[in-house]
Amino acid sequence: MDFDTNLLRAFIAVKDTGSFTRAAQRMNLTQSAISHQIRRLEEQAGTPLLMRTTRSLTLTEDGEDFVRYADQVLRAQDALVRRFQRSSVSGVVRFGVPENFMGNRLPPLLSRFAHLFPDVRLDVTVDTYLNLQSEVDANGLDLAVVMSLSGKHDDGMVLRKTQFVWAAARSFEYKCDTPLPLAFAPEPCVHRQIGVKALDGADVKWRMAFTSPSQQGLRAAVLAGLAITAIPHSDLEPGMTVFDRQYGLPELPTAYFTLIWSRRGKTPSAIEFGNLLYEMAGVVSE
């Protein structure tokens, strides 16, 4: 049995957006067309893939398995097309990314895009999640990777899921009769907001012991044993350990790295870059 890739893309769009309406907007189709495509896909699969109620839309157990295979098929298909197509795409792509999102995978992404689309100029901004969100809202960037707790944006694409944890140096020592020392970037900072909001509902005395706008400075403070911080699990470094559920620390939420677009950002060149980013980033749960 060969599954139509158009049906697979409709299914992925529904899963990512959590809504037939938003999926239709992403695919430039009507809601009824998306519904029809999902019905055809479920008929081909021989099993329900989605559970629908008036208030929610979730994947069935078979749908959870199906989405992984569908994602692999579509990324392979897109990679094949890009490898052998002759591109006439040109223009400028203004892309924003947080420092901790791709790490050493960012240079290969930029290099590969430049090779595939030599007539496109890339302007890349590395900044905080909140500043990137503001730039996209103001049309200062075409697309950007931001962090959200819901994983849902009206026109966004989830790239990766991560779990926030409390992290400190392995050598960290704390006297329970004193406020717990914390290290965060100044406001506005998503990590700080997540950590402080969780602490507001817990019976923990704490103080801001170290503040720095530099991620390198915060890492240095944590590794020196000066303070605890809240970070994505993927940001843990050698010498750090997870301190969840110690000292009365509350559980931290799951967060999502999401690719978002500005109102004017979906140009042909920006769409190509976004598709390549999705392909190389993968959808990974930590």
C-alpha atoms as a PDB file:
ATOM      1  CA  MET A   1       0.000   0.000   0.000  1.00  0.00           C
ATOM      2  CA  ASP A   2       1.316   3.453  -0.988  1.00  0.00           C
ATOM      3  CA  PHE A   3       0.197   6.358   1.187  1.00  0.00           C
ATOM      4  CA  ASP A   4      -0.393   9.661  -0.609  1.00  0.00           C
ATOM      5  CA  THR A   5       2.124  12.190   0.718  1.00  0.00           C
ATOM      6  CA  ASN A   6      -0.535  14.916   0.515  1.00  0.00           C
ATOM      7  CA  LEU A   7      -2.591  12.946   3.025  1.00  0.00           C
ATOM      8  CA  LEU A   8       0.453  12.473   5.238  1.00  0.00           C
ATOM      9  CA  ARG A   9       1.140  16.225   5.185  1.00  0.00           C
ATOM     10  CA  ALA A  10      -2.460  16.956   6.140  1.00  0.00           C
ATOM     11  CA  PHE A  11      -2.193  14.513   9.059  1.00  0.00           C
ATOM     12  CA  ILE A  12       1.071  16.080  10.280  1.00  0.00           C
ATOM     13  CA  ALA A  13      -0.483  19.552  10.011  1.00  0.00           C
ATOM     14  CA  VAL A  14      -3.469  18.492  12.136  1.00  0.00           C
ATOM     15  CA  LYS A  15      -1.178  16.899  14.714  1.00  0.00           C
ATOM     16  CA  ASP A  16       1.111  19.947  14.907  1.00  0.00           C
ATOM     17  CA  THR A  17      -1.651  22.557  15.129  1.00  0.00           C
ATOM     18  CA  GLY A  18      -4.159  20.505  17.143  1.00  0.00           C
ATOM     19  CA  SER A  19      -6.962  21.795  14.953  1.00  0.00           C
ATOM     20  CA  PHE A  20      -8.528  21.073  11.556  1.00  0.00           C
ATOM     21  CA  THR A  21      -9.078  24.810  11.097  1.00  0.00           C
ATOM     22  CA  ARG A  22      -5.444  25.766  11.753  1.00  0.00           C
ATOM     23  CA  ALA A  23      -4.223  22.815   9.672  1.00  0.00           C
ATOM     24  CA  ALA A  24      -6.358  24.043   6.779  1.00  0.00           C
ATOM     25  CA  GLN A  25      -4.825  27.512   7.113  1.00  0.00           C
ATOM     26  CA  ARG A  26      -1.323  26.046   7.052  1.00  0.00           C
ATOM     27  CA  MET A  27      -2.100  23.900   3.992  1.00  0.00           C
ATOM     28  CA  ASN A  28      -4.057  26.658   2.199  1.00  0.00           C
ATOM     29  CA  LEU A  29      -7.093  24.376   2.027  1.00  0.00           C
ATOM     30  CA  THR A  30     -10.631  24.445   3.360  1.00  0.00           C
ATOM     31  CA  GLN A  31     -11.476  22.726   6.635  1.00  0.00           C
ATOM     32  CA  SER A  32     -13.737  20.283   4.794  1.00  0.00           C
ATOM     33  CA  ALA A  33     -10.865  19.362   2.474  1.00  0.00           C
ATOM     34  CA  ILE A  34      -8.619  18.595   5.444  1.00  0.00           C
ATOM     35  CA  SER A  35     -11.385  16.506   7.044  1.00  0.00           C
ATOM     36  CA  HIS A  36     -11.816  14.585   3.798  1.00  0.00           C
ATOM     37  CA  GLN A  37      -8.078  13.914   3.551  1.00  0.00           C
ATOM     38  CA  ILE A  38      -7.934  12.601   7.133  1.00  0.00           C
ATOM     39  CA  ARG A  39     -10.901  10.307   6.461  1.00  0.00           C
ATOM     40  CA  ARG A  40      -9.177   8.930   3.341  1.00  0.00           C
ATOM     41  CA  LEU A  41      -5.969   8.376   5.297  1.00  0.00           C
ATOM     42  CA  GLU A  42      -7.776   6.541   8.102  1.00  0.00           C
ATOM     43  CA  GLU A  43      -9.530   4.382   5.497  1.00  0.00           C
ATOM     44  CA  GLN A  44      -6.184   3.498   3.953  1.00  0.00           C
ATOM     45  CA  ALA A  45      -4.640   2.786   7.362  1.00  0.00           C
ATOM     46  CA  GLY A  46      -7.660   0.729   8.373  1.00  0.00           C
ATOM     47  CA  THR A  47      -7.814   2.293  11.831  1.00  0.00           C
ATOM     48  CA  PRO A  48      -8.746   5.611  13.510  1.00  0.00           C
ATOM     49  CA  LEU A  49      -5.730   7.885  13.860  1.00  0.00           C
ATOM     50  CA  LEU A  50      -7.386  10.764  15.715  1.00  0.00           C
ATOM     51  CA  MET A  51      -9.810  11.042  18.606  1.00  0.00           C
ATOM     52  CA  ARG A  52     -12.150  14.011  18.146  1.00  0.00           C
ATOM     53  CA  THR A  53     -14.388  15.667  20.687  1.00  0.00           C
ATOM     54  CA  THR A  54     -16.040  19.076  20.717  1.00  0.00           C
ATOM     55  CA  ARG A  55     -13.196  20.377  22.882  1.00  0.00           C
ATOM     56  CA  SER A  56     -10.090  18.404  21.941  1.00  0.00           C
ATOM     57  CA  LEU A  57      -8.307  16.498  19.226  1.00  0.00           C
ATOM     58  CA  THR A  58      -5.705  13.872  20.153  1.00  0.00           C
ATOM     59  CA  LEU A  59      -3.875  10.999  18.514  1.00  0.00           C
ATOM     60  CA  THR A  60      -5.009   7.434  19.054  1.00  0.00           C
ATOM     61  CA  GLU A  61      -2.432   4.809  19.988  1.00  0.00           C
ATOM     62  CA  ASP A  62      -2.199   3.812  16.318  1.00  0.00           C
ATOM     63  CA  GLY A  63      -2.000   7.512  15.444  1.00  0.00           C
ATOM     64  CA  GLU A  64       1.039   7.929  17.726  1.00  0.00           C
ATOM     65  CA  ASP A  65       2.814   5.145  15.818  1.00  0.00           C
ATOM     66  CA  PHE A  66       1.606   6.393  12.448  1.00  0.00           C
ATOM     67  CA  VAL A  67       2.860   9.946  12.955  1.00  0.00           C
ATOM     68  CA  ARG A  68       6.434   8.767  13.503  1.00  0.00           C
ATOM     69  CA  TYR A  69       6.470   6.840  10.232  1.00  0.00           C
ATOM     70  CA  ALA A  70       4.707   9.653   8.365  1.00  0.00           C
ATOM     71  CA  ASP A  71       7.275  12.146   9.588  1.00  0.00           C
ATOM     72  CA  GLN A  72      10.143   9.924   8.415  1.00  0.00           C
ATOM     73  CA  VAL A  73       8.543   9.458   4.987  1.00  0.00           C
ATOM     74  CA  LEU A  74       7.961  13.184   4.475  1.00  0.00           C
ATOM     75  CA  ARG A  75      11.438  14.206   5.582  1.00  0.00           C
ATOM     76  CA  ALA A  76      12.956  11.617   3.225  1.00  0.00           C
ATOM     77  CA  GLN A  77      10.700  12.819   0.400  1.00  0.00           C
ATOM     78  CA  ASP A  78      11.619  16.461   0.977  1.00  0.00           C
ATOM     79  CA  ALA A  79      15.314  15.612   1.152  1.00  0.00           C
ATOM     80  CA  LEU A  80      15.100  13.704  -2.134  1.00  0.00           C
ATOM     81  CA  VAL A  81      13.359  16.596  -3.888  1.00  0.00           C
ATOM     82  CA  ARG A  82      15.861  19.147  -2.604  1.00  0.00           C
ATOM     83  CA  ARG A  83      18.828  17.008  -3.577  1.00  0.00           C
ATOM     84  CA  PHE A  84      17.843  16.774  -7.241  1.00  0.00           C
ATOM     85  CA  GLN A  85      15.724  19.838  -7.979  1.00  0.00           C
ATOM     86  CA  ARG A  86      17.061  22.884  -9.773  1.00  0.00           C
ATOM     87  CA  SER A  87      16.099  25.845  -7.657  1.00  0.00           C
ATOM     88  CA  SER A  88      14.965  29.200  -9.011  1.00  0.00           C
ATOM     89  CA  VAL A  89      14.321  30.531  -5.493  1.00  0.00           C
ATOM     90  CA  SER A  90      15.919  33.866  -4.644  1.00  0.00           C
ATOM     91  CA  GLY A  91      15.508  36.708  -2.179  1.00  0.00           C
ATOM     92  CA  VAL A  92      16.316  37.216   1.497  1.00  0.00           C
ATOM     93  CA  VAL A  93      15.501  35.016   4.510  1.00  0.00           C
ATOM     94  CA  ARG A  94      15.601  36.691   7.938  1.00  0.00           C
ATOM     95  CA  PHE A  95      15.898  33.898  10.478  1.00  0.00           C
ATOM     96  CA  GLY A  96      16.055  34.083  14.274  1.00  0.00           C
ATOM     97  CA  VAL A  97      17.302  31.320  16.547  1.00  0.00           C
ATOM     98  CA  PRO A  98      18.076  31.023  20.290  1.00  0.00           C
ATOM     99  CA  GLU A  99      21.644  30.208  21.238  1.00  0.00           C
ATOM    100  CA  ASN A 100      20.834  26.812  22.728  1.00  0.00           C
ATOM    101  CA  PHE A 101      18.557  25.373  20.038  1.00  0.00           C
ATOM    102  CA  MET A 102      20.786  23.679  17.452  1.00  0.00           C
ATOM    103  CA  GLY A 103      24.306  24.048  18.796  1.00  0.00           C
ATOM    104  CA  ASN A 104      26.832  22.562  16.387  1.00  0.00           C
ATOM    105  CA  ARG A 105      24.055  21.606  13.954  1.00  0.00           C
ATOM    106  CA  LEU A 106      23.399  25.217  12.981  1.00  0.00           C
ATOM    107  CA  PRO A 107      26.509  25.713  10.769  1.00  0.00           C
ATOM    108  CA  PRO A 108      25.742  22.591   8.655  1.00  0.00           C
ATOM    109  CA  LEU A 109      22.146  23.811   8.241  1.00  0.00           C
ATOM    110  CA  LEU A 110      23.247  27.220   7.011  1.00  0.00           C
ATOM    111  CA  SER A 111      25.903  25.689   4.752  1.00  0.00           C
ATOM    112  CA  ARG A 112      23.479  23.215   3.214  1.00  0.00           C
ATOM    113  CA  PHE A 113      20.857  25.869   2.556  1.00  0.00           C
ATOM    114  CA  ALA A 114      23.465  28.128   0.919  1.00  0.00           C
ATOM    115  CA  HIS A 115      24.507  25.221  -1.307  1.00  0.00           C
ATOM    116  CA  LEU A 116      20.932  24.334  -2.308  1.00  0.00           C
ATOM    117  CA  PHE A 117      19.785  27.933  -2.801  1.00  0.00           C
ATOM    118  CA  PRO A 118      22.809  30.024  -3.798  1.00  0.00           C
ATOM    119  CA  ASP A 119      20.651  32.981  -4.880  1.00  0.00           C
ATOM    120  CA  VAL A 120      19.097  33.405  -1.421  1.00  0.00           C
ATOM    121  CA  ARG A 121      20.727  35.690   1.136  1.00  0.00           C
ATOM    122  CA  LEU A 122      20.482  34.533   4.738  1.00  0.00           C
ATOM    123  CA  ASP A 123      20.331  37.064   7.578  1.00  0.00           C
ATOM    124  CA  VAL A 124      20.575  35.203  10.912  1.00  0.00           C
ATOM    125  CA  THR A 125      19.829  36.697  14.344  1.00  0.00           C
ATOM    126  CA  VAL A 126      20.768  34.870  17.555  1.00  0.00           C
ATOM    127  CA  ASP A 127      18.773  36.225  20.500  1.00  0.00           C
ATOM    128  CA  THR A 128      16.523  35.269  23.415  1.00  0.00           C
ATOM    129  CA  TYR A 129      13.182  33.530  22.854  1.00  0.00           C
ATOM    130  CA  LEU A 130      11.133  36.556  23.880  1.00  0.00           C
ATOM    131  CA  ASN A 131      13.109  38.999  21.743  1.00  0.00           C
ATOM    132  CA  LEU A 132      12.759  36.667  18.752  1.00  0.00           C
ATOM    133  CA  GLN A 133       9.014  36.436  19.323  1.00  0.00           C
ATOM    134  CA  SER A 134       8.805  40.247  19.383  1.00  0.00           C
ATOM    135  CA  GLU A 135      10.829  40.517  16.167  1.00  0.00           C
ATOM    136  CA  VAL A 136       8.538  38.071  14.378  1.00  0.00           C
ATOM    137  CA  ASP A 137       5.450  39.912  15.636  1.00  0.00           C
ATOM    138  CA  ALA A 138       6.899  43.173  14.291  1.00  0.00           C
ATOM    139  CA  ASN A 139       7.834  41.574  10.933  1.00  0.00           C
ATOM    140  CA  GLY A 140      11.500  42.177  11.691  1.00  0.00           C
ATOM    141  CA  LEU A 141      12.151  38.480  11.054  1.00  0.00           C
ATOM    142  CA  ASP A 142      10.524  36.132   8.558  1.00  0.00           C
ATOM    143  CA  LEU A 143      10.703  33.102  10.834  1.00  0.00           C
ATOM    144  CA  ALA A 144      12.246  32.163  14.157  1.00  0.00           C
ATOM    145  CA  VAL A 145      12.558  29.353  16.665  1.00  0.00           C
ATOM    146  CA  VAL A 146      10.903  30.229  19.981  1.00  0.00           C
ATOM    147  CA  MET A 147       9.979  28.324  23.108  1.00  0.00           C
ATOM    148  CA  SER A 148       6.453  27.773  24.374  1.00  0.00           C
ATOM    149  CA  LEU A 149       4.858  25.680  27.096  1.00  0.00           C
ATOM    150  CA  SER A 150       1.786  24.665  25.084  1.00  0.00           C
ATOM    151  CA  GLY A 151       3.532  23.754  21.844  1.00  0.00           C
ATOM    152  CA  LYS A 152       0.646  25.351  19.955  1.00  0.00           C
ATOM    153  CA  HIS A 153       0.821  28.440  17.783  1.00  0.00           C
ATOM    154  CA  ASP A 154      -1.791  29.389  15.206  1.00  0.00           C
ATOM    155  CA  ASP A 155       0.794  29.050  12.454  1.00  0.00           C
ATOM    156  CA  GLY A 156       3.701  27.250  14.101  1.00  0.00           C
ATOM    157  CA  MET A 157       5.540  23.975  13.667  1.00  0.00           C
ATOM    158  CA  VAL A 158       6.869  22.019  16.656  1.00  0.00           C
ATOM    159  CA  LEU A 159      10.508  21.097  16.111  1.00  0.00           C
ATOM    160  CA  ARG A 160      11.469  19.537  19.417  1.00  0.00           C
ATOM    161  CA  LYS A 161      10.125  18.854  22.885  1.00  0.00           C
ATOM    162  CA  THR A 162      12.267  19.285  25.976  1.00  0.00           C
ATOM    163  CA  GLN A 163      11.836  18.860  29.730  1.00  0.00           C
ATOM    164  CA  PHE A 164      12.922  21.673  32.050  1.00  0.00           C
ATOM    165  CA  VAL A 165      14.970  20.565  35.062  1.00  0.00           C
ATOM    166  CA  TRP A 166      16.648  22.125  38.078  1.00  0.00           C
ATOM    167  CA  ALA A 167      20.400  21.912  37.477  1.00  0.00           C
ATOM    168  CA  ALA A 168      23.448  22.570  39.636  1.00  0.00           C
ATOM    169  CA  ALA A 169      27.075  21.520  39.875  1.00  0.00           C
ATOM    170  CA  ARG A 170      27.772  18.048  41.228  1.00  0.00           C
ATOM    171  CA  SER A 171      29.698  19.792  43.977  1.00  0.00           C
ATOM    172  CA  PHE A 172      26.803  22.092  44.940  1.00  0.00           C
ATOM    173  CA  GLU A 173      26.215  22.319  48.694  1.00  0.00           C
ATOM    174  CA  TYR A 174      23.230  23.948  50.347  1.00  0.00           C
ATOM    175  CA  LYS A 175      22.462  24.816  53.958  1.00  0.00           C
ATOM    176  CA  CYS A 176      18.754  24.259  54.426  1.00  0.00           C
ATOM    177  CA  ASP A 177      18.385  27.123  56.912  1.00  0.00           C
ATOM    178  CA  THR A 178      19.290  29.713  54.234  1.00  0.00           C
ATOM    179  CA  PRO A 179      17.449  30.804  51.058  1.00  0.00           C
ATOM    180  CA  LEU A 180      18.208  28.627  48.036  1.00  0.00           C
ATOM    181  CA  PRO A 181      20.583  30.511  45.657  1.00  0.00           C
ATOM    182  CA  LEU A 182      19.380  30.786  42.046  1.00  0.00           C
ATOM    183  CA  ALA A 183      21.048  31.931  38.823  1.00  0.00           C
ATOM    184  CA  PHE A 184      19.067  33.422  35.924  1.00  0.00           C
ATOM    185  CA  ALA A 185      19.314  35.945  33.138  1.00  0.00           C
ATOM    186  CA  PRO A 186      17.606  39.311  33.742  1.00  0.00           C
ATOM    187  CA  GLU A 187      13.975  39.820  32.750  1.00  0.00           C
ATOM    188  CA  PRO A 188      12.579  39.168  30.240  1.00  0.00           C
ATOM    189  CA  CYS A 189      13.820  35.559  30.287  1.00  0.00           C
ATOM    190  CA  VAL A 190      11.749  32.411  29.633  1.00  0.00           C
ATOM    191  CA  HIS A 191      13.946  30.243  31.873  1.00  0.00           C
ATOM    192  CA  ARG A 192      13.583  32.735  34.700  1.00  0.00           C
ATOM    193  CA  GLN A 193       9.817  33.010  34.231  1.00  0.00           C
ATOM    194  CA  ILE A 194       9.414  29.212  34.273  1.00  0.00           C
ATOM    195  CA  GLY A 195      11.590  28.777  37.381  1.00  0.00           C
ATOM    196  CA  VAL A 196      10.108  31.635  39.387  1.00  0.00           C
ATOM    197  CA  LYS A 197       6.515  30.710  38.497  1.00  0.00           C
ATOM    198  CA  ALA A 198       7.114  27.154  39.730  1.00  0.00           C
ATOM    199  CA  LEU A 199       8.689  28.409  42.944  1.00  0.00           C
ATOM    200  CA  ASP A 200       5.795  30.791  43.605  1.00  0.00           C
ATOM    201  CA  GLY A 201       3.590  27.764  44.207  1.00  0.00           C
ATOM    202  CA  ALA A 202       6.103  25.932  46.405  1.00  0.00           C
ATOM    203  CA  ASP A 203       7.198  26.362  49.991  1.00  0.00           C
ATOM    204  CA  VAL A 204      10.808  27.178  49.136  1.00  0.00           C
ATOM    205  CA  LYS A 205      12.788  30.196  50.308  1.00  0.00           C
ATOM    206  CA  TRP A 206      15.110  31.426  47.594  1.00  0.00           C
ATOM    207  CA  ARG A 207      17.218  34.382  46.514  1.00  0.00           C
ATOM    208  CA  MET A 208      18.661  35.558  43.207  1.00  0.00           C
ATOM    209  CA  ALA A 209      22.360  34.888  43.764  1.00  0.00           C
ATOM    210  CA  PHE A 210      23.671  35.410  40.229  1.00  0.00           C
ATOM    211  CA  THR A 211      22.305  37.339  37.256  1.00  0.00           C
ATOM    212  CA  SER A 212      23.872  37.533  33.812  1.00  0.00           C
ATOM    213  CA  PRO A 213      22.542  38.112  30.271  1.00  0.00           C
ATOM    214  CA  SER A 214      25.251  35.725  29.050  1.00  0.00           C
ATOM    215  CA  GLN A 215      24.512  31.998  28.854  1.00  0.00           C
ATOM    216  CA  GLN A 216      28.227  31.390  29.277  1.00  0.00           C
ATOM    217  CA  GLY A 217      28.238  33.459  32.471  1.00  0.00           C
ATOM    218  CA  LEU A 218      25.265  31.554  33.901  1.00  0.00           C
ATOM    219  CA  ARG A 219      26.858  28.213  33.089  1.00  0.00           C
ATOM    220  CA  ALA A 220      30.067  29.323  34.789  1.00  0.00           C
ATOM    221  CA  ALA A 221      28.170  30.337  37.937  1.00  0.00           C
ATOM    222  CA  VAL A 222      26.300  27.033  38.087  1.00  0.00           C
ATOM    223  CA  LEU A 223      29.420  24.942  37.460  1.00  0.00           C
ATOM    224  CA  ALA A 224      31.233  26.899  40.182  1.00  0.00           C
ATOM    225  CA  GLY A 225      28.598  25.699  42.653  1.00  0.00           C
ATOM    226  CA  LEU A 226      27.232  29.192  43.311  1.00  0.00           C
ATOM    227  CA  ALA A 227      23.600  28.523  42.434  1.00  0.00           C
ATOM    228  CA  ILE A 228      20.892  26.340  40.927  1.00  0.00           C
ATOM    229  CA  THR A 229      19.130  27.222  37.675  1.00  0.00           C
ATOM    230  CA  ALA A 230      16.217  25.986  35.571  1.00  0.00           C
ATOM    231  CA  ILE A 231      17.226  24.830  32.088  1.00  0.00           C
ATOM    232  CA  PRO A 232      16.126  22.417  29.373  1.00  0.00           C
ATOM    233  CA  HIS A 233      17.480  18.928  29.972  1.00  0.00           C
ATOM    234  CA  SER A 234      19.363  19.162  26.666  1.00  0.00           C
ATOM    235  CA  ASP A 235      21.406  22.094  28.049  1.00  0.00           C
ATOM    236  CA  LEU A 236      23.007  20.034  30.831  1.00  0.00           C
ATOM    237  CA  GLU A 237      26.797  20.095  30.627  1.00  0.00           C
ATOM    238  CA  PRO A 238      29.507  17.829  32.052  1.00  0.00           C
ATOM    239  CA  GLY A 239      29.798  18.667  35.740  1.00  0.00           C
ATOM    240  CA  MET A 240      26.091  19.482  36.086  1.00  0.00           C
ATOM    241  CA  THR A 241      23.462  17.213  37.625  1.00  0.00           C
ATOM    242  CA  VAL A 242      19.678  17.299  37.964  1.00  0.00           C
ATOM    243  CA  PHE A 243      18.366  18.381  41.376  1.00  0.00           C
ATOM    244  CA  ASP A 244      14.653  17.789  40.733  1.00  0.00           C
ATOM    245  CA  ARG A 245      12.574  17.034  43.856  1.00  0.00           C
ATOM    246  CA  GLN A 246      15.443  18.005  46.165  1.00  0.00           C
ATOM    247  CA  TYR A 247      15.260  20.847  48.713  1.00  0.00           C
ATOM    248  CA  GLY A 248      11.494  20.995  48.086  1.00  0.00           C
ATOM    249  CA  LEU A 249      11.990  22.126  44.484  1.00  0.00           C
ATOM    250  CA  PRO A 250       8.786  21.807  42.422  1.00  0.00           C
ATOM    251  CA  GLU A 251       8.502  19.872  39.185  1.00  0.00           C
ATOM    252  CA  LEU A 252       9.155  21.952  36.072  1.00  0.00           C
ATOM    253  CA  PRO A 253       7.110  21.813  32.865  1.00  0.00           C
ATOM    254  CA  THR A 254       7.732  20.417  29.425  1.00  0.00           C
ATOM    255  CA  ALA A 255       8.499  23.038  26.776  1.00  0.00           C
ATOM    256  CA  TYR A 256       8.482  23.069  22.995  1.00  0.00           C
ATOM    257  CA  PHE A 257      10.846  24.584  20.464  1.00  0.00           C
ATOM    258  CA  THR A 258       8.479  25.904  17.797  1.00  0.00           C
ATOM    259  CA  LEU A 259       9.123  27.453  14.398  1.00  0.00           C
ATOM    260  CA  ILE A 260       6.923  30.522  13.919  1.00  0.00           C
ATOM    261  CA  TRP A 261       6.405  32.890  10.991  1.00  0.00           C
ATOM    262  CA  SER A 262       5.718  36.580  10.641  1.00  0.00           C
ATOM    263  CA  ARG A 263       2.645  37.798   8.773  1.00  0.00           C
ATOM    264  CA  ARG A 264       4.763  38.555   5.701  1.00  0.00           C
ATOM    265  CA  GLY A 265       7.372  35.882   6.256  1.00  0.00           C
ATOM    266  CA  LYS A 266       6.086  32.992   4.138  1.00  0.00           C
ATOM    267  CA  THR A 267       8.023  33.812   1.000  1.00  0.00           C
ATOM    268  CA  PRO A 268       9.175  30.917  -1.227  1.00  0.00           C
ATOM    269  CA  SER A 269      12.741  31.229   0.064  1.00  0.00           C
ATOM    270  CA  ALA A 270      11.667  31.346   3.725  1.00  0.00           C
ATOM    271  CA  ILE A 271       9.393  28.320   3.246  1.00  0.00           C
ATOM    272  CA  GLU A 272      12.297  26.349   1.763  1.00  0.00           C
ATOM    273  CA  PHE A 273      14.493  27.312   4.698  1.00  0.00           C
ATOM    274  CA  GLY A 274      11.786  26.367   7.206  1.00  0.00           C
ATOM    275  CA  ASN A 275      11.299  22.964   5.576  1.00  0.00           C
ATOM    276  CA  LEU A 276      15.037  22.291   5.657  1.00  0.00           C
ATOM    277  CA  LEU A 277      15.225  23.367   9.299  1.00  0.00           C
ATOM    278  CA  TYR A 278      12.372  20.992  10.160  1.00  0.00           C
ATOM    279  CA  GLU A 279      14.126  18.176   8.333  1.00  0.00           C
ATOM    280  CA  MET A 280      17.486  18.707  10.040  1.00  0.00           C
ATOM    281  CA  ALA A 281      16.143  19.510  13.492  1.00  0.00           C
ATOM    282  CA  GLY A 282      13.860  16.501  13.617  1.00  0.00           C
ATOM    283  CA  VAL A 283      11.028  16.098  16.076  1.00  0.00           C
ATOM    284  CA  VAL A 284      12.783  14.841  19.195  1.00  0.00           C
ATOM    285  CA  SER A 285      11.421  14.243  22.681  1.00  0.00           C
ATOM    286  CA  GLU A 286      13.899  14.394  25.530  1.00  0.00           C
END
